[in-house]
């Protein structure tokens, strides 16, 4: 399996990745509050994907 190195990306792609990493936590918190208030299947699935992305960024898989 090939390892993904974010620093080998072009500068514009690396910048987009850093911005996405910074805005992911507030979006996840908002989605958590929304899911707790009005839970739908889509909200639960979206929250799961967002939490998975947060874990991937935290463990530096991405």
N, C-alpha and C. Protein backbone atom coordinates (compact mmCIF):
# COMPACT_ATOMS: atom_id res chain seq x y z
N UNK A 1 0.84 -1.17 0.00
CA UNK A 1 0.00 0.00 0.00
C UNK A 1 0.89 1.24 0.00
N UNK A 2 0.60 2.15 -0.90
CA UNK A 2 1.39 3.37 -1.01
C UNK A 2 1.00 4.34 0.10
N UNK A 3 1.98 4.93 0.70
CA UNK A 3 1.75 5.90 1.78
C UNK A 3 1.42 7.24 1.17
N UNK A 4 0.49 7.94 1.78
CA UNK A 4 0.05 9.25 1.30
C UNK A 4 0.84 10.33 2.04
N UNK A 5 1.64 11.11 1.32
CA UNK A 5 2.41 12.19 1.91
C UNK A 5 1.80 13.51 1.49
N UNK A 6 1.24 14.23 2.45
CA UNK A 6 0.58 15.49 2.13
C UNK A 6 1.58 16.55 1.69
N UNK A 7 2.82 16.43 2.07
CA UNK A 7 3.81 17.44 1.72
C UNK A 7 4.35 17.28 0.31
N UNK A 8 4.01 16.19 -0.36
CA UNK A 8 4.39 16.00 -1.76
C UNK A 8 3.33 16.54 -2.72
N UNK A 9 2.22 17.02 -2.16
CA UNK A 9 1.16 17.58 -2.99
C UNK A 9 1.56 18.95 -3.52
N UNK A 10 0.92 19.40 -4.58
CA UNK A 10 1.15 20.77 -5.05
C UNK A 10 0.74 21.77 -3.95
N UNK A 11 1.33 22.96 -3.94
CA UNK A 11 1.02 23.92 -2.87
C UNK A 11 -0.47 24.26 -2.75
N UNK A 12 -1.19 24.38 -3.87
CA UNK A 12 -2.60 24.72 -3.79
C UNK A 12 -3.41 23.59 -3.17
N UNK A 13 -3.06 22.34 -3.47
CA UNK A 13 -3.78 21.19 -2.91
C UNK A 13 -3.47 21.03 -1.43
N UNK A 14 -2.22 21.28 -1.07
CA UNK A 14 -1.82 21.20 0.34
C UNK A 14 -2.54 22.26 1.16
N UNK A 15 -2.69 23.47 0.60
CA UNK A 15 -3.39 24.55 1.28
C UNK A 15 -4.87 24.21 1.46
N UNK A 16 -5.49 23.62 0.44
CA UNK A 16 -6.89 23.20 0.56
C UNK A 16 -7.05 22.14 1.65
N UNK A 17 -6.11 21.22 1.73
CA UNK A 17 -6.16 20.18 2.76
C UNK A 17 -6.04 20.78 4.15
N UNK A 18 -5.15 21.75 4.34
CA UNK A 18 -4.98 22.40 5.64
C UNK A 18 -6.24 23.18 6.03
N UNK A 19 -6.84 23.87 5.08
CA UNK A 19 -8.08 24.62 5.36
C UNK A 19 -9.19 23.66 5.73
N UNK A 20 -9.34 22.57 4.99
CA UNK A 20 -10.37 21.58 5.29
C UNK A 20 -10.17 20.98 6.68
N UNK A 21 -8.91 20.74 7.04
CA UNK A 21 -8.61 20.17 8.35
C UNK A 21 -9.01 21.14 9.47
N UNK A 22 -8.85 22.43 9.25
CA UNK A 22 -9.19 23.44 10.27
C UNK A 22 -10.70 23.65 10.42
N UNK A 23 -11.46 23.55 9.33
CA UNK A 23 -12.90 23.80 9.43
C UNK A 23 -13.69 22.54 9.76
N UNK A 24 -13.03 21.39 9.79
CA UNK A 24 -13.73 20.13 10.02
C UNK A 24 -14.30 20.03 11.43
N UNK A 25 -13.58 20.48 12.44
CA UNK A 25 -14.06 20.37 13.82
C UNK A 25 -15.31 21.21 14.08
N UNK A 26 -15.36 22.50 13.69
CA UNK A 26 -16.60 23.25 13.91
C UNK A 26 -17.81 22.66 13.15
N UNK A 27 -17.57 22.17 11.94
CA UNK A 27 -18.66 21.56 11.18
C UNK A 27 -19.16 20.30 11.89
N UNK A 28 -18.23 19.51 12.44
CA UNK A 28 -18.61 18.29 13.15
C UNK A 28 -19.40 18.61 14.42
N UNK A 29 -18.99 19.64 15.15
CA UNK A 29 -19.71 20.03 16.36
C UNK A 29 -21.12 20.50 16.00
N UNK A 30 -21.24 21.30 14.96
CA UNK A 30 -22.56 21.74 14.50
C UNK A 30 -23.43 20.55 14.11
N UNK A 31 -22.85 19.60 13.40
CA UNK A 31 -23.61 18.42 12.96
C UNK A 31 -24.02 17.56 14.16
N UNK A 32 -23.17 17.48 15.18
CA UNK A 32 -23.51 16.73 16.38
C UNK A 32 -24.71 17.35 17.08
N UNK A 33 -24.71 18.67 17.22
CA UNK A 33 -25.85 19.36 17.84
C UNK A 33 -27.11 19.15 17.02
N UNK A 34 -26.99 19.28 15.72
CA UNK A 34 -28.15 19.09 14.83
C UNK A 34 -28.68 17.66 14.93
N UNK A 35 -27.78 16.68 14.99
CA UNK A 35 -28.19 15.29 15.08
C UNK A 35 -28.87 14.99 16.41
N UNK A 36 -28.40 15.62 17.48
CA UNK A 36 -29.04 15.41 18.78
C UNK A 36 -30.43 16.02 18.83
N UNK A 37 -30.65 17.14 18.14
CA UNK A 37 -31.95 17.81 18.17
C UNK A 37 -32.95 17.17 17.22
N UNK A 38 -32.55 16.93 15.99
CA UNK A 38 -33.45 16.38 14.97
C UNK A 38 -32.73 15.23 14.25
N UNK A 39 -32.73 14.05 14.85
CA UNK A 39 -31.98 12.95 14.22
C UNK A 39 -32.70 12.36 13.01
N UNK A 40 -32.00 12.32 11.90
CA UNK A 40 -32.47 11.60 10.72
C UNK A 40 -31.35 10.64 10.30
N UNK A 41 -31.68 9.73 9.42
CA UNK A 41 -30.68 8.76 8.96
C UNK A 41 -29.51 9.46 8.28
N UNK A 42 -29.81 10.45 7.45
CA UNK A 42 -28.75 11.17 6.75
C UNK A 42 -27.84 11.90 7.74
N UNK A 43 -28.42 12.53 8.76
CA UNK A 43 -27.62 13.25 9.75
C UNK A 43 -26.68 12.31 10.51
N UNK A 44 -27.17 11.15 10.87
CA UNK A 44 -26.35 10.18 11.59
C UNK A 44 -25.20 9.68 10.70
N UNK A 45 -25.51 9.39 9.45
CA UNK A 45 -24.46 8.94 8.52
C UNK A 45 -23.43 10.04 8.27
N UNK A 46 -23.90 11.26 8.08
CA UNK A 46 -22.98 12.38 7.87
C UNK A 46 -22.10 12.61 9.08
N UNK A 47 -22.66 12.51 10.28
CA UNK A 47 -21.87 12.66 11.50
C UNK A 47 -20.82 11.56 11.59
N UNK A 48 -21.17 10.35 11.22
CA UNK A 48 -20.20 9.25 11.23
C UNK A 48 -19.05 9.49 10.27
N UNK A 49 -19.35 10.00 9.09
CA UNK A 49 -18.30 10.31 8.11
C UNK A 49 -17.40 11.42 8.63
N UNK A 50 -18.00 12.46 9.21
CA UNK A 50 -17.21 13.57 9.73
C UNK A 50 -16.32 13.14 10.89
N UNK A 51 -16.84 12.30 11.78
CA UNK A 51 -16.02 11.79 12.88
C UNK A 51 -14.90 10.91 12.34
N UNK A 52 -15.19 10.11 11.33
CA UNK A 52 -14.14 9.29 10.71
C UNK A 52 -13.04 10.15 10.09
N UNK A 53 -13.42 11.25 9.43
CA UNK A 53 -12.42 12.16 8.87
C UNK A 53 -11.60 12.83 9.97
N UNK A 54 -12.25 13.22 11.06
CA UNK A 54 -11.52 13.81 12.18
C UNK A 54 -10.49 12.84 12.74
N UNK A 55 -10.88 11.59 12.90
CA UNK A 55 -9.95 10.59 13.41
C UNK A 55 -8.80 10.37 12.43
N UNK A 56 -9.11 10.34 11.15
CA UNK A 56 -8.06 10.15 10.13
C UNK A 56 -7.06 11.31 10.14
N UNK A 57 -7.55 12.54 10.29
CA UNK A 57 -6.64 13.67 10.37
C UNK A 57 -5.84 13.65 11.67
N UNK A 58 -6.49 13.28 12.77
CA UNK A 58 -5.81 13.25 14.07
C UNK A 58 -4.69 12.22 14.09
N UNK A 59 -4.96 11.06 13.50
CA UNK A 59 -3.94 9.99 13.46
C UNK A 59 -2.99 10.15 12.29
N UNK A 60 -3.17 11.22 11.52
CA UNK A 60 -2.33 11.56 10.37
C UNK A 60 -2.34 10.48 9.30
N UNK A 61 -3.52 9.88 9.08
CA UNK A 61 -3.70 8.96 7.97
C UNK A 61 -3.87 9.73 6.69
N UNK A 62 -4.35 10.95 6.80
CA UNK A 62 -4.54 11.82 5.63
C UNK A 62 -3.58 12.98 5.77
